Amino acid sequence: MHIPEWNPAWSETEWEQSLNARLDELTYDFIVEAPRSAEENCALDETLLYRVADGKRPAVFWMWDWAERAVILGSYQSVRSELDADVAARHDFTFARRISGGGAMVVEPQRTITYSLIVPESVVEGLSFRQSFAFLDMWVLRALRSLDIPAGYRPINDIISPTAKIGGAAQCRRRRTVLHHVTMASAMDGPLMWDLLRLEKPKFTDKSVASAVKKVSPLSDFTDLPQPVLRDRLAAAFAGIYRCNPTMITEDEEAEASTRVREKFSTQAWRHRVE
């Protein structure tokens, strides 16, 4: 796989290109996970964030996968404003709430690609919040373009094609550590997504962060590669660009994530923190 060099013209957000060396200098724990439930994935994301923050892991790249259909809400989104519960029940969708902000994402087994990049906050020092999003996703534009997918970046957090949005990023910062994660549609049922999410519908609370109303273009518009192959190719591209140490989730991390599911991510207080 030939990975093209970074081209600033691919992004509508600019930064000092000498800062790219900060990512090159890191060594990443490289984790490609088997499918998990929505709550397990969200809990593991938080667990890995604190592992890096506490010095128990170096920087981390991990590729999620999904064992169920779900809508993943941002930390501050209203359940009623974002999700049509009747449609979700009819089509066997659950929902979970992640720790980062941003908008709702529809995820499905073998139709969605999700990854997290967890790095020290010093890596993005001197960059604006807006710049940090494009900076931390520079690798995936190169990877997608190596697959002849014409990806670009649109502020503040969208990976785009020339015609529409491919995926979106969100961030959470804790203890001088940045958790940056991205969800991309490999394939999707557009009408179902619009039915599931209350886009362009009346909002129930002004406390929620509304999903942006943007046309979404899945990767299947540009490639015939199925999701498992695309997922593996993108992970391999990251490992080909940066120094990586292939590893696995430890038993201790599994136990910690399970505790987080039980005590936080599956609770009414967290799931409905903004009703």
C-alpha atoms as a PDB file:
ATOM      1  CA  MET A   1       0.000   0.000   0.000  1.00  0.00           C
ATOM      2  CA  HIS A   2       1.495   3.316  -1.057  1.00  0.00           C
ATOM      3  CA  ILE A   3       0.658   6.040   1.480  1.00  0.00           C
ATOM      4  CA  PRO A   4       0.898   9.516  -0.062  1.00  0.00           C
ATOM      5  CA  GLU A   5       2.601  12.319   1.809  1.00  0.00           C
ATOM      6  CA  TRP A   6       0.448  14.779   3.718  1.00  0.00           C
ATOM      7  CA  ASN A   7      -0.902  17.517   1.470  1.00  0.00           C
ATOM      8  CA  PRO A   8      -2.160  20.673   3.247  1.00  0.00           C
ATOM      9  CA  ALA A   9      -4.503  21.315   0.300  1.00  0.00           C
ATOM     10  CA  TRP A  10      -6.647  18.397   1.510  1.00  0.00           C
ATOM     11  CA  SER A  11      -7.719  20.319   4.605  1.00  0.00           C
ATOM     12  CA  GLU A  12      -9.620  23.565   5.004  1.00  0.00           C
ATOM     13  CA  THR A  13      -7.800  23.979   8.329  1.00  0.00           C
ATOM     14  CA  GLU A  14      -4.132  24.993   8.256  1.00  0.00           C
ATOM     15  CA  TRP A  15      -1.315  24.687  10.788  1.00  0.00           C
ATOM     16  CA  GLU A  16       2.458  24.880  10.914  1.00  0.00           C
ATOM     17  CA  GLN A  17       3.547  21.701   9.114  1.00  0.00           C
ATOM     18  CA  SER A  18       6.709  21.329  11.205  1.00  0.00           C
ATOM     19  CA  LEU A  19       4.416  20.251  14.057  1.00  0.00           C
ATOM     20  CA  ASN A  20       3.697  16.994  12.205  1.00  0.00           C
ATOM     21  CA  ALA A  21       6.947  15.640  13.642  1.00  0.00           C
ATOM     22  CA  ARG A  22       5.279  15.455  17.060  1.00  0.00           C
ATOM     23  CA  LEU A  23       3.148  12.556  15.866  1.00  0.00           C
ATOM     24  CA  ASP A  24       6.100  10.898  14.116  1.00  0.00           C
ATOM     25  CA  GLU A  25       8.133  10.928  17.328  1.00  0.00           C
ATOM     26  CA  LEU A  26       5.616   8.906  19.340  1.00  0.00           C
ATOM     27  CA  THR A  27       5.411   5.146  19.691  1.00  0.00           C
ATOM     28  CA  TYR A  28       1.837   3.897  19.806  1.00  0.00           C
ATOM     29  CA  ASP A  29       0.262   0.895  21.440  1.00  0.00           C
ATOM     30  CA  PHE A  30      -1.634  -0.480  18.444  1.00  0.00           C
ATOM     31  CA  ILE A  31      -4.869  -2.323  19.229  1.00  0.00           C
ATOM     32  CA  VAL A  32      -7.383  -3.776  16.762  1.00  0.00           C
ATOM     33  CA  GLU A  33     -10.397  -5.009  18.701  1.00  0.00           C
ATOM     34  CA  ALA A  34     -13.050  -7.648  18.109  1.00  0.00           C
ATOM     35  CA  PRO A  35     -16.688  -6.454  18.007  1.00  0.00           C
ATOM     36  CA  ARG A  36     -18.139  -5.233  21.304  1.00  0.00           C
ATOM     37  CA  SER A  37     -21.417  -3.793  22.500  1.00  0.00           C
ATOM     38  CA  ALA A  38     -21.899  -0.039  22.312  1.00  0.00           C
ATOM     39  CA  GLU A  39     -21.546   0.453  26.069  1.00  0.00           C
ATOM     40  CA  GLU A  40     -18.457  -1.769  26.222  1.00  0.00           C
ATOM     41  CA  ASN A  41     -16.782   0.241  23.459  1.00  0.00           C
ATOM     42  CA  CYS A  42     -17.534   3.552  25.173  1.00  0.00           C
ATOM     43  CA  ALA A  43     -16.266   2.224  28.500  1.00  0.00           C
ATOM     44  CA  LEU A  44     -13.090   0.848  26.972  1.00  0.00           C
ATOM     45  CA  ASP A  45     -12.434   4.186  25.287  1.00  0.00           C
ATOM     46  CA  GLU A  46     -12.555   5.914  28.681  1.00  0.00           C
ATOM     47  CA  THR A  47     -10.439   3.190  30.269  1.00  0.00           C
ATOM     48  CA  LEU A  48      -7.684   3.586  27.670  1.00  0.00           C
ATOM     49  CA  LEU A  49      -7.787   7.376  28.023  1.00  0.00           C
ATOM     50  CA  TYR A  50      -6.986   7.122  31.721  1.00  0.00           C
ATOM     51  CA  ARG A  51      -4.377   4.417  31.125  1.00  0.00           C
ATOM     52  CA  VAL A  52      -2.469   6.849  28.919  1.00  0.00           C
ATOM     53  CA  ALA A  53      -3.078   9.742  31.325  1.00  0.00           C
ATOM     54  CA  ASP A  54      -1.738   7.686  34.239  1.00  0.00           C
ATOM     55  CA  GLY A  55       1.376   6.581  32.348  1.00  0.00           C
ATOM     56  CA  LYS A  56       0.298   2.935  32.177  1.00  0.00           C
ATOM     57  CA  ARG A  57       0.334   3.029  28.387  1.00  0.00           C
ATOM     58  CA  PRO A  58       2.130   5.245  25.875  1.00  0.00           C
ATOM     59  CA  ALA A  59       0.093   6.885  23.122  1.00  0.00           C
ATOM     60  CA  VAL A  60      -2.647   4.535  21.873  1.00  0.00           C
ATOM     61  CA  PHE A  61      -4.268   3.860  18.522  1.00  0.00           C
ATOM     62  CA  TRP A  62      -7.179   1.462  18.716  1.00  0.00           C
ATOM     63  CA  MET A  63      -9.710   0.365  16.157  1.00  0.00           C
ATOM     64  CA  TRP A  64     -13.183  -0.331  17.522  1.00  0.00           C
ATOM     65  CA  ASP A  65     -15.785  -2.677  16.056  1.00  0.00           C
ATOM     66  CA  TRP A  66     -19.490  -3.043  16.764  1.00  0.00           C
ATOM     67  CA  ALA A  67     -21.485  -6.100  17.849  1.00  0.00           C
ATOM     68  CA  GLU A  68     -24.875  -4.364  17.683  1.00  0.00           C
ATOM     69  CA  ARG A  69     -26.795  -1.590  15.956  1.00  0.00           C
ATOM     70  CA  ALA A  70     -26.692   1.586  18.013  1.00  0.00           C
ATOM     71  CA  VAL A  71     -26.931   5.338  18.074  1.00  0.00           C
ATOM     72  CA  ILE A  72     -23.984   6.840  19.956  1.00  0.00           C
ATOM     73  CA  LEU A  73     -24.870  10.155  21.550  1.00  0.00           C
ATOM     74  CA  GLY A  74     -22.429  12.879  22.473  1.00  0.00           C
ATOM     75  CA  SER A  75     -21.941  13.580  26.158  1.00  0.00           C
ATOM     76  CA  TYR A  76     -24.251  16.610  26.211  1.00  0.00           C
ATOM     77  CA  GLN A  77     -26.970  15.562  23.781  1.00  0.00           C
ATOM     78  CA  SER A  78     -30.611  15.139  24.694  1.00  0.00           C
ATOM     79  CA  VAL A  79     -31.994  11.642  24.185  1.00  0.00           C
ATOM     80  CA  ARG A  80     -35.459  12.847  23.141  1.00  0.00           C
ATOM     81  CA  SER A  81     -34.098  15.561  20.885  1.00  0.00           C
ATOM     82  CA  GLU A  82     -31.705  13.311  18.987  1.00  0.00           C
ATOM     83  CA  LEU A  83     -33.202   9.818  18.890  1.00  0.00           C
ATOM     84  CA  ASP A  84     -36.598   8.557  17.734  1.00  0.00           C
ATOM     85  CA  ALA A  85     -37.092   5.751  20.249  1.00  0.00           C
ATOM     86  CA  ASP A  86     -39.965   4.133  18.338  1.00  0.00           C
ATOM     87  CA  VAL A  87     -37.901   3.846  15.157  1.00  0.00           C
ATOM     88  CA  ALA A  88     -34.924   2.546  17.150  1.00  0.00           C
ATOM     89  CA  ALA A  89     -37.006  -0.184  18.783  1.00  0.00           C
ATOM     90  CA  ARG A  90     -38.585  -1.174  15.491  1.00  0.00           C
ATOM     91  CA  HIS A  91     -35.188  -1.621  13.845  1.00  0.00           C
ATOM     92  CA  ASP A  92     -33.392  -3.154  16.846  1.00  0.00           C
ATOM     93  CA  PHE A  93     -31.149  -0.172  17.652  1.00  0.00           C
ATOM     94  CA  THR A  94     -29.929   0.520  21.161  1.00  0.00           C
ATOM     95  CA  PHE A  95     -28.191   3.728  22.221  1.00  0.00           C
ATOM     96  CA  ALA A  96     -25.154   4.599  24.295  1.00  0.00           C
ATOM     97  CA  ARG A  97     -23.547   7.838  25.430  1.00  0.00           C
ATOM     98  CA  ARG A  98     -19.839   8.498  24.950  1.00  0.00           C
ATOM     99  CA  ILE A  99     -17.665  10.824  27.043  1.00  0.00           C
ATOM    100  CA  SER A 100     -16.823  13.246  24.231  1.00  0.00           C
ATOM    101  CA  GLY A 101     -19.028  15.991  22.852  1.00  0.00           C
ATOM    102  CA  GLY A 102     -20.247  16.298  19.295  1.00  0.00           C
ATOM    103  CA  GLY A 103     -23.205  14.855  17.456  1.00  0.00           C
ATOM    104  CA  ALA A 104     -25.038  11.549  17.297  1.00  0.00           C
ATOM    105  CA  MET A 105     -23.577   8.736  15.181  1.00  0.00           C
ATOM    106  CA  VAL A 106     -25.379   5.690  13.774  1.00  0.00           C
ATOM    107  CA  VAL A 107     -23.231   2.540  13.981  1.00  0.00           C
ATOM    108  CA  GLU A 108     -23.829  -0.985  12.706  1.00  0.00           C
ATOM    109  CA  PRO A 109     -21.866  -4.259  12.608  1.00  0.00           C
ATOM    110  CA  GLN A 110     -19.659  -4.479   9.495  1.00  0.00           C
ATOM    111  CA  ARG A 111     -20.996  -1.145   8.202  1.00  0.00           C
ATOM    112  CA  THR A 112     -19.085   1.318  10.402  1.00  0.00           C
ATOM    113  CA  ILE A 113     -15.395   2.096  11.020  1.00  0.00           C
ATOM    114  CA  THR A 114     -14.399   3.688  14.327  1.00  0.00           C
ATOM    115  CA  TYR A 115     -10.985   4.442  15.762  1.00  0.00           C
ATOM    116  CA  SER A 116      -9.456   6.369  18.660  1.00  0.00           C
ATOM    117  CA  LEU A 117      -6.138   8.154  18.910  1.00  0.00           C
ATOM    118  CA  ILE A 118      -5.053   8.917  22.494  1.00  0.00           C
ATOM    119  CA  VAL A 119      -2.022  11.180  22.891  1.00  0.00           C
ATOM    120  CA  PRO A 120      -0.469  13.538  25.455  1.00  0.00           C
ATOM    121  CA  GLU A 121      -1.936  17.021  25.277  1.00  0.00           C
ATOM    122  CA  SER A 122       1.557  18.359  24.602  1.00  0.00           C
ATOM    123  CA  VAL A 123       1.233  16.911  21.085  1.00  0.00           C
ATOM    124  CA  VAL A 124      -1.399  19.531  20.206  1.00  0.00           C
ATOM    125  CA  GLU A 125       0.112  22.388  22.244  1.00  0.00           C
ATOM    126  CA  GLY A 126       0.084  25.605  20.218  1.00  0.00           C
ATOM    127  CA  LEU A 127      -2.748  24.388  17.994  1.00  0.00           C
ATOM    128  CA  SER A 128      -6.252  25.747  18.325  1.00  0.00           C
ATOM    129  CA  PHE A 129      -9.016  23.312  19.205  1.00  0.00           C
ATOM    130  CA  ARG A 130     -10.154  23.485  15.577  1.00  0.00           C
ATOM    131  CA  GLN A 131      -6.642  22.815  14.252  1.00  0.00           C
ATOM    132  CA  SER A 132      -6.166  19.846  16.575  1.00  0.00           C
ATOM    133  CA  PHE A 133      -9.004  17.931  14.915  1.00  0.00           C
ATOM    134  CA  ALA A 134      -7.522  18.119  11.427  1.00  0.00           C
ATOM    135  CA  PHE A 135      -4.007  17.565  12.792  1.00  0.00           C
ATOM    136  CA  LEU A 136      -4.924  14.298  14.513  1.00  0.00           C
ATOM    137  CA  ASP A 137      -6.735  13.015  11.434  1.00  0.00           C
ATOM    138  CA  MET A 138      -4.066  13.877   8.888  1.00  0.00           C
ATOM    139  CA  TRP A 139      -3.055  10.204   8.732  1.00  0.00           C
ATOM    140  CA  VAL A 140      -6.529   8.969   7.758  1.00  0.00           C
ATOM    141  CA  LEU A 141      -6.775  11.304   4.769  1.00  0.00           C
ATOM    142  CA  ARG A 142      -3.508   9.840   3.529  1.00  0.00           C
ATOM    143  CA  ALA A 143      -4.791   6.311   4.174  1.00  0.00           C
ATOM    144  CA  LEU A 144      -8.116   6.904   2.435  1.00  0.00           C
ATOM    145  CA  ARG A 145      -6.401   8.496  -0.563  1.00  0.00           C
ATOM    146  CA  SER A 146      -4.121   5.460  -0.831  1.00  0.00           C
ATOM    147  CA  LEU A 147      -7.385   3.560  -1.469  1.00  0.00           C
ATOM    148  CA  ASP A 148      -8.444   6.102  -4.126  1.00  0.00           C
ATOM    149  CA  ILE A 149     -11.045   7.623  -1.812  1.00  0.00           C
ATOM    150  CA  PRO A 150     -10.878  11.425  -2.331  1.00  0.00           C
ATOM    151  CA  ALA A 151     -11.004  12.420   1.335  1.00  0.00           C
ATOM    152  CA  GLY A 152     -10.582  15.917   2.712  1.00  0.00           C
ATOM    153  CA  TYR A 153     -11.152  17.755   5.985  1.00  0.00           C
ATOM    154  CA  ARG A 154     -13.751  20.425   6.778  1.00  0.00           C
ATOM    155  CA  PRO A 155     -13.747  22.402  10.035  1.00  0.00           C
ATOM    156  CA  ILE A 156     -14.406  21.709  12.716  1.00  0.00           C
ATOM    157  CA  ASN A 157     -14.549  17.931  12.700  1.00  0.00           C
ATOM    158  CA  ASP A 158     -15.674  16.436   9.372  1.00  0.00           C
ATOM    159  CA  ILE A 159     -13.888  14.018   7.079  1.00  0.00           C
ATOM    160  CA  ILE A 160     -15.449  14.693   3.700  1.00  0.00           C
ATOM    161  CA  SER A 161     -15.556  13.672   0.060  1.00  0.00           C
ATOM    162  CA  PRO A 162     -16.009  16.230  -2.726  1.00  0.00           C
ATOM    163  CA  THR A 163     -19.769  15.700  -2.387  1.00  0.00           C
ATOM    164  CA  ALA A 164     -20.584  14.942   1.271  1.00  0.00           C
ATOM    165  CA  LYS A 165     -19.504  14.004   4.769  1.00  0.00           C
ATOM    166  CA  ILE A 166     -17.746  10.638   5.215  1.00  0.00           C
ATOM    167  CA  GLY A 167     -17.317  10.733   8.981  1.00  0.00           C
ATOM    168  CA  GLY A 168     -17.012  12.893  12.056  1.00  0.00           C
ATOM    169  CA  ALA A 169     -14.545  13.335  14.904  1.00  0.00           C
ATOM    170  CA  ALA A 170     -15.022  14.162  18.574  1.00  0.00           C
ATOM    171  CA  GLN A 171     -12.609  14.858  21.427  1.00  0.00           C
ATOM    172  CA  CYS A 172     -12.363  14.584  25.169  1.00  0.00           C
ATOM    173  CA  ARG A 173      -9.461  15.991  27.196  1.00  0.00           C
ATOM    174  CA  ARG A 174      -8.632  14.704  30.680  1.00  0.00           C
ATOM    175  CA  ARG A 175      -5.482  14.983  32.799  1.00  0.00           C
ATOM    176  CA  ARG A 176      -3.408  16.559  30.033  1.00  0.00           C
ATOM    177  CA  THR A 177      -4.390  13.762  27.633  1.00  0.00           C
ATOM    178  CA  VAL A 178      -6.418  13.976  24.399  1.00  0.00           C
ATOM    179  CA  LEU A 179      -8.877  11.308  23.341  1.00  0.00           C
ATOM    180  CA  HIS A 180      -9.699  11.848  19.668  1.00  0.00           C
ATOM    181  CA  HIS A 181     -12.077   9.430  18.002  1.00  0.00           C
ATOM    182  CA  VAL A 182     -13.700   9.166  14.588  1.00  0.00           C
ATOM    183  CA  THR A 183     -16.682   7.280  13.202  1.00  0.00           C
ATOM    184  CA  MET A 184     -16.986   6.742   9.449  1.00  0.00           C
ATOM    185  CA  ALA A 185     -19.804   5.108   7.524  1.00  0.00           C
ATOM    186  CA  SER A 186     -18.530   2.211   5.431  1.00  0.00           C
ATOM    187  CA  ALA A 187     -22.057   1.527   4.207  1.00  0.00           C
ATOM    188  CA  MET A 188     -25.356   2.929   5.372  1.00  0.00           C
ATOM    189  CA  ASP A 189     -29.108   3.051   4.946  1.00  0.00           C
ATOM    190  CA  GLY A 190     -29.624   6.776   4.456  1.00  0.00           C
ATOM    191  CA  PRO A 191     -33.422   6.879   4.903  1.00  0.00           C
ATOM    192  CA  LEU A 192     -33.146   4.823   8.103  1.00  0.00           C
ATOM    193  CA  MET A 193     -30.544   7.214   9.512  1.00  0.00           C
ATOM    194  CA  TRP A 194     -32.816  10.191   8.916  1.00  0.00           C
ATOM    195  CA  ASP A 195     -35.696   8.341  10.597  1.00  0.00           C
ATOM    196  CA  LEU A 196     -33.576   7.352  13.603  1.00  0.00           C
ATOM    197  CA  LEU A 197     -32.135  10.788  14.260  1.00  0.00           C
ATOM    198  CA  ARG A 198     -34.397  13.747  14.888  1.00  0.00           C
ATOM    199  CA  LEU A 199     -32.577  15.913  12.381  1.00  0.00           C
ATOM    200  CA  GLU A 200     -34.490  19.006  11.313  1.00  0.00           C
ATOM    201  CA  LYS A 201     -37.192  18.143  13.862  1.00  0.00           C
ATOM    202  CA  PRO A 202     -38.285  20.268  16.855  1.00  0.00           C
ATOM    203  CA  LYS A 203     -35.932  20.103  19.827  1.00  0.00           C
ATOM    204  CA  PHE A 204     -37.236  19.292  23.294  1.00  0.00           C
ATOM    205  CA  THR A 205     -34.553  21.066  25.295  1.00  0.00           C
ATOM    206  CA  ASP A 206     -32.141  23.915  24.732  1.00  0.00           C
ATOM    207  CA  LYS A 207     -29.536  22.034  26.802  1.00  0.00           C
ATOM    208  CA  SER A 208     -28.846  19.552  24.044  1.00  0.00           C
ATOM    209  CA  VAL A 209     -26.228  19.842  21.345  1.00  0.00           C
ATOM    210  CA  ALA A 210     -28.082  19.294  18.089  1.00  0.00           C
ATOM    211  CA  SER A 211     -26.654  17.048  15.400  1.00  0.00           C
ATOM    212  CA  ALA A 212     -25.457  18.965  12.373  1.00  0.00           C
ATOM    213  CA  VAL A 213     -27.704  18.476   9.386  1.00  0.00           C
ATOM    214  CA  LYS A 214     -25.235  17.278   6.781  1.00  0.00           C
ATOM    215  CA  LYS A 215     -25.482  14.863   3.915  1.00  0.00           C
ATOM    216  CA  VAL A 216     -23.454  11.724   4.595  1.00  0.00           C
ATOM    217  CA  SER A 217     -21.568   9.834   1.897  1.00  0.00           C
ATOM    218  CA  PRO A 218     -20.408   6.331   2.959  1.00  0.00           C
ATOM    219  CA  LEU A 219     -17.093   4.898   1.853  1.00  0.00           C
ATOM    220  CA  SER A 220     -19.007   2.398  -0.281  1.00  0.00           C
ATOM    221  CA  ASP A 221     -19.732   5.284  -2.663  1.00  0.00           C
ATOM    222  CA  PHE A 222     -16.043   5.198  -3.602  1.00  0.00           C
ATOM    223  CA  THR A 223     -14.851   1.612  -3.106  1.00  0.00           C
ATOM    224  CA  ASP A 224     -16.127  -1.941  -3.408  1.00  0.00           C
ATOM    225  CA  LEU A 225     -14.000  -3.109  -0.485  1.00  0.00           C
ATOM    226  CA  PRO A 226     -16.160  -4.542   2.332  1.00  0.00           C
ATOM    227  CA  GLN A 227     -15.920  -3.075   5.826  1.00  0.00           C
ATOM    228  CA  PRO A 228     -13.635  -5.766   7.323  1.00  0.00           C
ATOM    229  CA  VAL A 229     -11.117  -5.239   4.522  1.00  0.00           C
ATOM    230  CA  LEU A 230     -11.354  -1.447   4.707  1.00  0.00           C
ATOM    231  CA  ARG A 231     -10.907  -1.576   8.471  1.00  0.00           C
ATOM    232  CA  ASP A 232      -7.800  -3.739   8.157  1.00  0.00           C
ATOM    233  CA  ARG A 233      -6.359  -1.548   5.378  1.00  0.00           C
ATOM    234  CA  LEU A 234      -6.802   1.634   7.416  1.00  0.00           C
ATOM    235  CA  ALA A 235      -5.278   0.062  10.516  1.00  0.00           C
ATOM    236  CA  ALA A 236      -2.346  -1.202   8.446  1.00  0.00           C
ATOM    237  CA  ALA A 237      -1.900   2.289   6.993  1.00  0.00           C
ATOM    238  CA  PHE A 238      -1.591   3.795  10.475  1.00  0.00           C
ATOM    239  CA  ALA A 239       0.974   1.141  11.398  1.00  0.00           C
ATOM    240  CA  GLY A 240       2.823   1.906   8.172  1.00  0.00           C
ATOM    241  CA  ILE A 241       3.017   5.635   8.907  1.00  0.00           C
ATOM    242  CA  TYR A 242       3.894   5.591  12.622  1.00  0.00           C
ATOM    243  CA  ARG A 243       5.948   3.490  15.031  1.00  0.00           C
ATOM    244  CA  CYS A 244       3.549   0.971  16.526  1.00  0.00           C
ATOM    245  CA  ASN A 245       3.684  -1.771  19.118  1.00  0.00           C
ATOM    246  CA  PRO A 246       0.916  -4.309  18.355  1.00  0.00           C
ATOM    247  CA  THR A 247      -0.756  -5.268  21.614  1.00  0.00           C
ATOM    248  CA  MET A 248      -4.084  -6.280  23.156  1.00  0.00           C
ATOM    249  CA  ILE A 249      -6.504  -5.146  25.807  1.00  0.00           C
ATOM    250  CA  THR A 250      -5.257  -6.544  29.112  1.00  0.00           C
ATOM    251  CA  GLU A 251      -7.341  -8.523  31.598  1.00  0.00           C
ATOM    252  CA  ASP A 252      -7.029  -5.606  33.997  1.00  0.00           C
ATOM    253  CA  GLU A 253      -8.381  -3.200  31.378  1.00  0.00           C
ATOM    254  CA  GLU A 254     -11.220  -5.605  30.568  1.00  0.00           C
ATOM    255  CA  ALA A 255     -12.163  -5.681  34.233  1.00  0.00           C
ATOM    256  CA  GLU A 256     -11.953  -1.915  34.568  1.00  0.00           C
ATOM    257  CA  ALA A 257     -14.086  -1.375  31.465  1.00  0.00           C
ATOM    258  CA  SER A 258     -16.679  -3.845  32.779  1.00  0.00           C
ATOM    259  CA  THR A 259     -16.842  -1.894  36.028  1.00  0.00           C
ATOM    260  CA  ARG A 260     -17.328   1.328  34.051  1.00  0.00           C
ATOM    261  CA  VAL A 261     -20.191  -0.262  32.111  1.00  0.00           C
ATOM    262  CA  ARG A 262     -21.878  -1.393  35.314  1.00  0.00           C
ATOM    263  CA  GLU A 263     -21.326   1.781  37.336  1.00  0.00           C
ATOM    264  CA  LYS A 264     -21.605   4.408  34.585  1.00  0.00           C
ATOM    265  CA  PHE A 265     -22.342   3.630  30.953  1.00  0.00           C
ATOM    266  CA  SER A 266     -25.347   1.344  31.503  1.00  0.00           C
ATOM    267  CA  THR A 267     -26.928   3.488  34.223  1.00  0.00           C
ATOM    268  CA  GLN A 268     -30.015   5.636  33.816  1.00  0.00           C
ATOM    269  CA  ALA A 269     -28.099   8.580  35.272  1.00  0.00           C
ATOM    270  CA  TRP A 270     -25.505   8.471  32.454  1.00  0.00           C
ATOM    271  CA  ARG A 271     -27.654   7.327  29.543  1.00  0.00           C
ATOM    272  CA  HIS A 272     -30.298   9.964  30.286  1.00  0.00           C
ATOM    273  CA  ARG A 273     -28.085  12.655  31.781  1.00  0.00           C
ATOM    274  CA  VAL A 274     -29.740  15.034  29.289  1.00  0.00           C
ATOM    275  CA  GLU A 275     -33.277  13.778  28.820  1.00  0.00           C
END
